[in-house]
Amino acid sequence: MEDILESSAQEVQAHRVDAYLKADYNLQFHLEFMELGQNRNNTDVYMRTMNYRYITMKSTIVSEETVAAAQAQHRQIVDALKGGRTSEMKRVIRLHLEDSKERLLKTIYDNGGSI
């Protein structure tokens, strides 16, 4: 997970959102996290329900700000995981999921979409 964060951080710091999206670092990070649980069924369910590549390939939908926020949250997850702070990891994951949901909904609504 740290290698993915390192590689993706280089793209973010260089303001290359398109390269970040093309490499699909977000998906790579989430899949690596899912693999830690060693439950193939969970990983399969995740892939079926979170197949958002068609959304993330559009840099007009995913902004540099959104990517930077996700990067920071991913770093907090890794730090909590490495430190064995399970309750902190759960808290940060909930925050990450809620923030991602709110940002996506705002982008959809701001662009005339509805759910």
N, C-alpha and C. Protein backbone atom coordinates (compact mmCIF):
# COMPACT_ATOMS: atom_id res chain seq x y z
N MET A 1 0.83 -1.18 0.00
CA MET A 1 0.00 0.00 0.00
C MET A 1 0.88 1.26 0.00
N GLU A 2 2.00 1.17 0.71
CA GLU A 2 2.89 2.32 0.74
C GLU A 2 3.51 2.59 -0.63
N ASP A 3 3.84 1.54 -1.36
CA ASP A 3 4.40 1.72 -2.70
C ASP A 3 3.39 2.42 -3.62
N ILE A 4 2.14 2.03 -3.49
CA ILE A 4 1.09 2.66 -4.29
C ILE A 4 0.95 4.13 -3.90
N LEU A 5 0.98 4.41 -2.60
CA LEU A 5 0.91 5.80 -2.15
C LEU A 5 2.09 6.62 -2.65
N GLU A 6 3.28 6.03 -2.61
CA GLU A 6 4.49 6.73 -3.08
C GLU A 6 4.37 7.08 -4.56
N SER A 7 4.01 6.09 -5.36
CA SER A 7 3.89 6.31 -6.81
C SER A 7 2.80 7.33 -7.13
N SER A 8 1.68 7.18 -6.48
CA SER A 8 0.57 8.09 -6.76
C SER A 8 0.87 9.50 -6.27
N ALA A 9 1.59 9.63 -5.16
CA ALA A 9 1.93 10.94 -4.63
C ALA A 9 2.79 11.72 -5.61
N GLN A 10 3.65 11.03 -6.34
CA GLN A 10 4.48 11.71 -7.34
C GLN A 10 3.62 12.36 -8.41
N GLU A 11 2.58 11.66 -8.84
CA GLU A 11 1.67 12.23 -9.86
C GLU A 11 0.89 13.40 -9.29
N VAL A 12 0.42 13.25 -8.05
CA VAL A 12 -0.37 14.31 -7.42
C VAL A 12 0.49 15.56 -7.22
N GLN A 13 1.69 15.38 -6.70
CA GLN A 13 2.58 16.52 -6.45
C GLN A 13 2.99 17.23 -7.73
N ALA A 14 3.04 16.49 -8.82
CA ALA A 14 3.38 17.08 -10.12
C ALA A 14 2.14 17.61 -10.85
N HIS A 15 0.99 17.57 -10.18
CA HIS A 15 -0.28 18.06 -10.74
C HIS A 15 -0.66 17.32 -12.02
N ARG A 16 -0.40 16.00 -12.03
CA ARG A 16 -0.73 15.17 -13.20
C ARG A 16 -1.91 14.26 -12.86
N VAL A 17 -3.08 14.86 -12.72
CA VAL A 17 -4.28 14.10 -12.36
C VAL A 17 -4.62 13.07 -13.43
N ASP A 18 -4.44 13.43 -14.69
CA ASP A 18 -4.74 12.47 -15.76
C ASP A 18 -3.89 11.21 -15.65
N ALA A 19 -2.61 11.38 -15.35
CA ALA A 19 -1.72 10.22 -15.18
C ALA A 19 -2.13 9.41 -13.96
N TYR A 20 -2.52 10.09 -12.90
CA TYR A 20 -3.00 9.42 -11.68
C TYR A 20 -4.22 8.56 -12.01
N LEU A 21 -5.15 9.14 -12.76
CA LEU A 21 -6.38 8.42 -13.11
C LEU A 21 -6.10 7.28 -14.07
N LYS A 22 -5.23 7.49 -15.03
CA LYS A 22 -4.92 6.45 -16.00
C LYS A 22 -4.31 5.23 -15.32
N ALA A 23 -3.43 5.46 -14.34
CA ALA A 23 -2.81 4.36 -13.61
C ALA A 23 -3.78 3.72 -12.62
N ASP A 24 -4.89 4.39 -12.37
CA ASP A 24 -5.94 3.90 -11.46
C ASP A 24 -5.38 3.55 -10.07
N TYR A 25 -4.58 4.48 -9.55
CA TYR A 25 -3.97 4.28 -8.23
C TYR A 25 -5.01 4.08 -7.14
N ASN A 26 -6.13 4.77 -7.25
CA ASN A 26 -7.17 4.64 -6.22
C ASN A 26 -7.67 3.20 -6.16
N LEU A 27 -7.97 2.63 -7.31
CA LEU A 27 -8.41 1.24 -7.34
C LEU A 27 -7.30 0.31 -6.83
N GLN A 28 -6.07 0.56 -7.25
CA GLN A 28 -4.96 -0.27 -6.78
C GLN A 28 -4.87 -0.26 -5.26
N PHE A 29 -4.99 0.93 -4.67
CA PHE A 29 -4.90 1.05 -3.22
C PHE A 29 -6.02 0.27 -2.53
N HIS A 30 -7.24 0.46 -3.02
CA HIS A 30 -8.38 -0.21 -2.40
C HIS A 30 -8.29 -1.73 -2.54
N LEU A 31 -7.85 -2.20 -3.68
CA LEU A 31 -7.71 -3.65 -3.87
C LEU A 31 -6.63 -4.23 -2.96
N GLU A 32 -5.54 -3.51 -2.83
CA GLU A 32 -4.46 -3.97 -1.94
C GLU A 32 -4.97 -4.06 -0.50
N PHE A 33 -5.76 -3.08 -0.09
CA PHE A 33 -6.34 -3.09 1.24
C PHE A 33 -7.29 -4.29 1.40
N MET A 34 -8.11 -4.51 0.39
CA MET A 34 -9.06 -5.63 0.44
C MET A 34 -8.31 -6.96 0.55
N GLU A 35 -7.19 -7.08 -0.15
CA GLU A 35 -6.41 -8.32 -0.14
C GLU A 35 -5.85 -8.64 1.25
N LEU A 36 -5.65 -7.61 2.07
CA LEU A 36 -5.15 -7.85 3.43
C LEU A 36 -6.09 -8.75 4.23
N GLY A 37 -7.37 -8.65 3.93
CA GLY A 37 -8.36 -9.48 4.63
C GLY A 37 -8.35 -10.93 4.20
N GLN A 38 -7.67 -11.23 3.11
CA GLN A 38 -7.54 -12.59 2.58
C GLN A 38 -8.89 -13.28 2.40
N ASN A 39 -9.89 -12.49 2.01
CA ASN A 39 -11.21 -13.04 1.76
C ASN A 39 -11.56 -12.73 0.30
N ARG A 40 -11.35 -13.72 -0.55
CA ARG A 40 -11.57 -13.54 -1.99
C ARG A 40 -12.99 -13.09 -2.30
N ASN A 41 -13.96 -13.58 -1.55
CA ASN A 41 -15.35 -13.19 -1.77
C ASN A 41 -15.53 -11.68 -1.55
N ASN A 42 -14.94 -11.15 -0.50
CA ASN A 42 -15.04 -9.71 -0.25
C ASN A 42 -14.42 -8.91 -1.38
N THR A 43 -13.28 -9.36 -1.86
CA THR A 43 -12.61 -8.67 -2.96
C THR A 43 -13.48 -8.73 -4.22
N ASP A 44 -14.07 -9.88 -4.49
CA ASP A 44 -14.94 -10.02 -5.66
C ASP A 44 -16.15 -9.10 -5.56
N VAL A 45 -16.76 -9.06 -4.38
CA VAL A 45 -17.92 -8.19 -4.16
C VAL A 45 -17.50 -6.73 -4.37
N TYR A 46 -16.36 -6.37 -3.83
CA TYR A 46 -15.86 -5.00 -4.00
C TYR A 46 -15.73 -4.67 -5.48
N MET A 47 -15.11 -5.55 -6.24
CA MET A 47 -14.91 -5.30 -7.66
C MET A 47 -16.23 -5.17 -8.41
N ARG A 48 -17.21 -5.95 -8.03
CA ARG A 48 -18.51 -5.87 -8.71
C ARG A 48 -19.26 -4.59 -8.33
N THR A 49 -19.18 -4.18 -7.08
CA THR A 49 -19.97 -3.03 -6.65
C THR A 49 -19.25 -1.70 -6.81
N MET A 50 -17.94 -1.72 -6.89
CA MET A 50 -17.20 -0.47 -6.96
C MET A 50 -16.50 -0.28 -8.30
N ASN A 51 -17.03 -0.83 -9.34
CA ASN A 51 -16.42 -0.67 -10.65
C ASN A 51 -16.77 0.72 -11.18
N TYR A 52 -15.97 1.68 -10.81
CA TYR A 52 -16.22 3.08 -11.14
C TYR A 52 -15.21 3.62 -12.14
N ARG A 53 -14.49 2.75 -12.81
CA ARG A 53 -13.43 3.23 -13.70
C ARG A 53 -13.95 4.19 -14.75
N TYR A 54 -15.15 3.96 -15.24
CA TYR A 54 -15.68 4.86 -16.26
C TYR A 54 -15.86 6.26 -15.70
N ILE A 55 -16.07 6.39 -14.40
CA ILE A 55 -16.18 7.70 -13.79
C ILE A 55 -14.81 8.31 -13.59
N THR A 56 -13.89 7.53 -13.03
CA THR A 56 -12.60 8.09 -12.64
C THR A 56 -11.69 8.39 -13.82
N MET A 57 -12.03 7.90 -14.98
CA MET A 57 -11.19 8.20 -16.14
C MET A 57 -11.45 9.61 -16.67
N LYS A 58 -12.41 10.29 -16.12
CA LYS A 58 -12.74 11.65 -16.55
C LYS A 58 -12.19 12.64 -15.53
N SER A 59 -11.17 13.36 -15.90
CA SER A 59 -10.57 14.30 -14.95
C SER A 59 -11.49 15.48 -14.67
N THR A 60 -12.55 15.65 -15.47
CA THR A 60 -13.50 16.71 -15.17
C THR A 60 -14.37 16.33 -13.98
N ILE A 61 -14.45 15.06 -13.67
CA ILE A 61 -15.24 14.60 -12.53
C ILE A 61 -14.38 14.49 -11.29
N VAL A 62 -13.14 14.05 -11.44
CA VAL A 62 -12.23 13.90 -10.32
C VAL A 62 -11.21 15.03 -10.38
N SER A 63 -11.23 15.88 -9.38
CA SER A 63 -10.34 17.04 -9.38
C SER A 63 -9.05 16.75 -8.63
N GLU A 64 -8.11 17.65 -8.78
CA GLU A 64 -6.85 17.54 -8.05
C GLU A 64 -7.12 17.59 -6.55
N GLU A 65 -8.08 18.41 -6.15
CA GLU A 65 -8.45 18.51 -4.73
C GLU A 65 -9.00 17.18 -4.20
N THR A 66 -9.83 16.53 -4.99
CA THR A 66 -10.40 15.24 -4.60
C THR A 66 -9.31 14.19 -4.44
N VAL A 67 -8.39 14.16 -5.40
CA VAL A 67 -7.29 13.20 -5.36
C VAL A 67 -6.41 13.45 -4.14
N ALA A 68 -6.10 14.71 -3.88
CA ALA A 68 -5.26 15.06 -2.72
C ALA A 68 -5.94 14.65 -1.42
N ALA A 69 -7.24 14.87 -1.31
CA ALA A 69 -7.97 14.48 -0.10
C ALA A 69 -7.93 12.96 0.08
N ALA A 70 -8.15 12.22 -0.99
CA ALA A 70 -8.10 10.75 -0.91
C ALA A 70 -6.70 10.29 -0.52
N GLN A 71 -5.68 10.91 -1.10
CA GLN A 71 -4.29 10.56 -0.77
C GLN A 71 -4.03 10.73 0.72
N ALA A 72 -4.46 11.86 1.27
CA ALA A 72 -4.25 12.12 2.70
C ALA A 72 -4.97 11.09 3.56
N GLN A 73 -6.19 10.75 3.16
CA GLN A 73 -6.96 9.76 3.90
C GLN A 73 -6.33 8.38 3.78
N HIS A 74 -5.85 8.04 2.61
CA HIS A 74 -5.17 6.76 2.42
C HIS A 74 -3.93 6.69 3.30
N ARG A 75 -3.19 7.78 3.40
CA ARG A 75 -2.00 7.82 4.25
C ARG A 75 -2.39 7.60 5.71
N GLN A 76 -3.49 8.19 6.16
CA GLN A 76 -3.96 8.00 7.54
C GLN A 76 -4.33 6.54 7.78
N ILE A 77 -4.94 5.91 6.80
CA ILE A 77 -5.31 4.49 6.92
C ILE A 77 -4.06 3.63 7.07
N VAL A 78 -3.08 3.87 6.23
CA VAL A 78 -1.84 3.09 6.28
C VAL A 78 -1.12 3.32 7.61
N ASP A 79 -1.06 4.55 8.06
CA ASP A 79 -0.38 4.86 9.33
C ASP A 79 -1.07 4.16 10.50
N ALA A 80 -2.40 4.17 10.52
CA ALA A 80 -3.13 3.50 11.59
C ALA A 80 -2.94 1.99 11.51
N LEU A 81 -2.93 1.45 10.31
CA LEU A 81 -2.73 0.02 10.11
C LEU A 81 -1.34 -0.39 10.59
N LYS A 82 -0.32 0.35 10.19
CA LYS A 82 1.04 0.05 10.60
C LYS A 82 1.21 0.15 12.11
N GLY A 83 0.49 1.09 12.73
CA GLY A 83 0.59 1.28 14.17
C GLY A 83 -0.28 0.34 14.97
N GLY A 84 -1.05 -0.50 14.27
CA GLY A 84 -1.93 -1.44 14.96
C GLY A 84 -3.09 -0.77 15.68
N ARG A 85 -3.44 0.44 15.25
CA ARG A 85 -4.52 1.20 15.89
C ARG A 85 -5.83 0.92 15.16
N THR A 86 -6.45 -0.18 15.50
CA THR A 86 -7.65 -0.66 14.80
C THR A 86 -8.79 0.35 14.87
N SER A 87 -9.06 0.90 16.05
CA SER A 87 -10.18 1.83 16.17
C SER A 87 -9.93 3.10 15.36
N GLU A 88 -8.67 3.55 15.32
CA GLU A 88 -8.32 4.72 14.51
C GLU A 88 -8.48 4.39 13.02
N MET A 89 -8.07 3.20 12.62
CA MET A 89 -8.21 2.80 11.23
C MET A 89 -9.69 2.77 10.83
N LYS A 90 -10.53 2.21 11.69
CA LYS A 90 -11.96 2.16 11.40
C LYS A 90 -12.54 3.57 11.27
N ARG A 91 -12.10 4.46 12.16
CA ARG A 91 -12.60 5.85 12.13
C ARG A 91 -12.20 6.53 10.83
N VAL A 92 -10.95 6.37 10.42
CA VAL A 92 -10.46 7.01 9.20
C VAL A 92 -11.13 6.40 7.97
N ILE A 93 -11.35 5.11 7.97
CA ILE A 93 -12.03 4.48 6.83
C ILE A 93 -13.46 5.02 6.71
N ARG A 94 -14.15 5.13 7.83
CA ARG A 94 -15.52 5.70 7.78
C ARG A 94 -15.49 7.12 7.23
N LEU A 95 -14.54 7.92 7.71
CA LEU A 95 -14.39 9.29 7.22
C LEU A 95 -14.12 9.28 5.71
N HIS A 96 -13.23 8.42 5.27
CA HIS A 96 -12.88 8.32 3.85
C HIS A 96 -14.11 7.96 3.01
N LEU A 97 -14.85 6.98 3.46
CA LEU A 97 -16.04 6.56 2.70
C LEU A 97 -17.09 7.67 2.64
N GLU A 98 -17.32 8.31 3.77
CA GLU A 98 -18.31 9.40 3.82
C GLU A 98 -17.87 10.58 2.96
N ASP A 99 -16.60 10.95 3.06
CA ASP A 99 -16.08 12.06 2.28
C ASP A 99 -16.15 11.75 0.79
N SER A 100 -15.78 10.54 0.41
CA SER A 100 -15.84 10.14 -1.01
C SER A 100 -17.27 10.21 -1.52
N LYS A 101 -18.20 9.71 -0.73
CA LYS A 101 -19.61 9.74 -1.12
C LYS A 101 -20.09 11.18 -1.30
N GLU A 102 -19.79 12.04 -0.33
CA GLU A 102 -20.24 13.43 -0.39
C GLU A 102 -19.62 14.17 -1.58
N ARG A 103 -18.34 13.95 -1.82
CA ARG A 103 -17.68 14.61 -2.96
C ARG A 103 -18.28 14.15 -4.28
N LEU A 104 -18.54 12.85 -4.41
CA LEU A 104 -19.12 12.34 -5.65
C LEU A 104 -20.53 12.88 -5.86
N LEU A 105 -21.34 12.86 -4.81
CA LEU A 105 -22.71 13.40 -4.93
C LEU A 105 -22.69 14.88 -5.29
N LYS A 106 -21.81 15.65 -4.67
CA LYS A 106 -21.72 17.07 -4.97
C LYS A 106 -21.35 17.28 -6.43
N THR A 107 -20.39 16.51 -6.93
CA THR A 107 -19.97 16.64 -8.32
C THR A 107 -21.12 16.29 -9.26
N ILE A 108 -21.85 15.24 -8.94
CA ILE A 108 -22.99 14.86 -9.77
C ILE A 108 -24.03 15.97 -9.80
N TYR A 109 -24.41 16.47 -8.63
CA TYR A 109 -25.42 17.52 -8.55
C TYR A 109 -24.95 18.83 -9.20
N ASP A 110 -23.69 19.19 -8.96
CA ASP A 110 -23.15 20.43 -9.53
C ASP A 110 -23.12 20.39 -11.05
N ASN A 111 -23.09 19.20 -11.63
CA ASN A 111 -23.05 19.06 -13.08
C ASN A 111 -24.39 18.68 -13.68
N GLY A 112 -25.45 18.93 -12.92
CA GLY A 112 -26.80 18.73 -13.44
C GLY A 112 -27.34 17.33 -13.35
N GLY A 113 -26.62 16.45 -12.70
CA GLY A 113 -27.09 15.07 -12.56
C GLY A 113 -27.99 14.92 -11.35
N SER A 114 -28.56 13.74 -11.21
CA SER A 114 -29.39 13.45 -10.05
C SER A 114 -29.27 11.96 -9.72
N ILE A 115 -29.61 11.65 -8.50
CA ILE A 115 -29.58 10.26 -8.05
C ILE A 115 -30.91 9.93 -7.43
